[in-house]
Amino acid sequence: MRLTVCRLADLPAHQGYLVEVAGEAIALFRVGDEVHAVENGCPHRGGPLAFGDLRGGTVFCPLHAWGFDVRTGRCDEFPEASLRTFAVHVEGDEVQIEL
């Protein structure tokens, strides 16, 4: 099921954007022409990744700087701590997440 969560114009470049879908906090990231979605809470201490530092395709947790690839959810330092990702579709100006 696809749900529209925001407009493409709402997504800032080089920053995260927080949405809540079905009670779950999801962080959106615009990297170039692509939009990616991951669970918002860092598995280490629950840091809000939507407010982390985005460098290239990696977001760094604002609490302890764990880095996660926003495309794959992978944490290079601790692969067992990787994030859940969500498929994203852009239809015109609508950003949709697949649940």
Protein backbone atom coordinates (compact mmCIF):
# COMPACT_ATOMS: atom_id res chain seq x y z
CA MET A 1 0.00 0.00 0.00
CA ARG A 2 1.31 3.45 -0.95
CA LEU A 3 0.61 6.50 1.18
CA THR A 4 1.29 10.10 0.21
CA VAL A 5 3.33 11.66 3.02
CA CYS A 6 4.40 15.07 1.67
CA ARG A 7 5.12 17.10 -1.44
CA LEU A 8 8.51 16.91 -3.13
CA ALA A 9 8.85 20.67 -2.65
CA ASP A 10 8.59 20.13 1.14
CA LEU A 11 11.84 18.14 1.26
CA PRO A 12 14.87 20.31 1.96
CA ALA A 13 18.13 19.50 0.20
CA HIS A 14 20.83 18.04 2.48
CA GLN A 15 18.50 17.67 5.48
CA GLY A 16 16.07 15.13 6.84
CA TYR A 17 12.31 15.49 6.98
CA LEU A 18 10.19 13.72 9.57
CA VAL A 19 6.81 12.16 8.80
CA GLU A 20 4.58 9.85 10.80
CA VAL A 21 2.83 7.02 9.02
CA ALA A 22 0.51 4.61 10.83
CA GLY A 23 2.09 5.59 14.16
CA GLU A 24 5.65 5.08 12.93
CA ALA A 25 8.20 7.90 12.66
CA ILE A 26 9.97 7.84 9.28
CA ALA A 27 12.86 10.03 8.15
CA LEU A 28 12.91 11.15 4.51
CA PHE A 29 16.07 12.29 2.77
CA ARG A 30 16.49 13.94 -0.62
CA VAL A 31 19.83 12.96 -2.14
CA GLY A 32 20.25 14.44 -5.60
CA ASP A 33 17.18 13.46 -7.59
CA GLU A 34 16.31 10.55 -5.29
CA VAL A 35 14.22 10.37 -2.13
CA HIS A 36 14.92 7.72 0.51
CA ALA A 37 13.05 6.70 3.65
CA VAL A 38 14.33 4.96 6.79
CA GLU A 39 13.01 4.39 10.28
CA ASN A 40 13.66 7.57 12.27
CA GLY A 41 15.08 6.11 15.49
CA CYS A 42 18.76 5.19 15.66
CA PRO A 43 18.99 1.62 17.02
CA HIS A 44 21.77 2.67 19.42
CA ARG A 45 19.97 5.21 21.62
CA GLY A 46 16.89 6.20 19.62
CA GLY A 47 18.37 9.42 18.26
CA PRO A 48 16.09 11.17 15.74
CA LEU A 49 17.79 10.60 12.39
CA ALA A 50 15.61 13.17 10.60
CA PHE A 51 17.58 15.75 12.60
CA GLY A 52 20.95 14.15 11.94
CA ASP A 53 23.76 15.44 9.75
CA LEU A 54 23.32 14.30 6.13
CA ARG A 55 26.58 14.05 4.18
CA GLY A 56 26.20 12.62 0.72
CA GLY A 57 24.07 9.53 1.15
CA THR A 58 24.94 9.02 4.82
CA VAL A 59 23.03 10.39 7.80
CA PHE A 60 24.81 10.66 11.13
CA CYS A 61 22.83 10.28 14.34
CA PRO A 62 22.70 13.56 16.30
CA LEU A 63 23.41 11.74 19.59
CA HIS A 64 26.52 9.64 18.93
CA ALA A 65 27.28 10.12 15.21
CA TRP A 66 26.58 6.57 14.07
CA GLY A 67 26.41 6.71 10.25
CA PHE A 68 23.68 5.08 8.15
CA ASP A 69 23.42 4.83 4.38
CA VAL A 70 19.98 6.30 3.63
CA ARG A 71 19.69 4.17 0.48
CA THR A 72 20.19 0.79 2.18
CA GLY A 73 19.84 1.50 5.92
CA ARG A 74 23.25 -0.09 6.48
CA CYS A 75 25.42 1.03 9.39
CA ASP A 76 29.03 0.43 8.33
CA GLU A 77 30.42 0.52 11.87
CA PHE A 78 27.83 -1.90 13.26
CA PRO A 79 26.07 -3.84 10.45
CA GLU A 80 23.80 -5.59 12.95
CA ALA A 81 22.34 -2.15 13.79
CA SER A 82 21.12 -1.40 10.27
CA LEU A 83 17.84 0.47 9.74
CA ARG A 84 14.59 -0.59 8.18
CA THR A 85 14.04 1.13 4.84
CA PHE A 86 10.85 1.94 2.96
CA ALA A 87 10.27 2.06 -0.79
CA VAL A 88 9.63 5.62 -1.96
CA HIS A 89 7.77 6.67 -5.11
CA VAL A 90 7.48 10.19 -6.47
CA GLU A 91 4.32 10.78 -8.49
CA GLY A 92 4.37 14.31 -9.86
CA ASP A 93 4.95 16.39 -6.73
CA GLU A 94 3.69 13.73 -4.30
CA VAL A 95 6.11 11.67 -2.23
CA GLN A 96 4.65 8.27 -1.42
CA ILE A 97 5.92 5.59 0.95
CA GLU A 98 5.13 1.93 0.48
CA LEU A 99 4.12 0.09 3.63
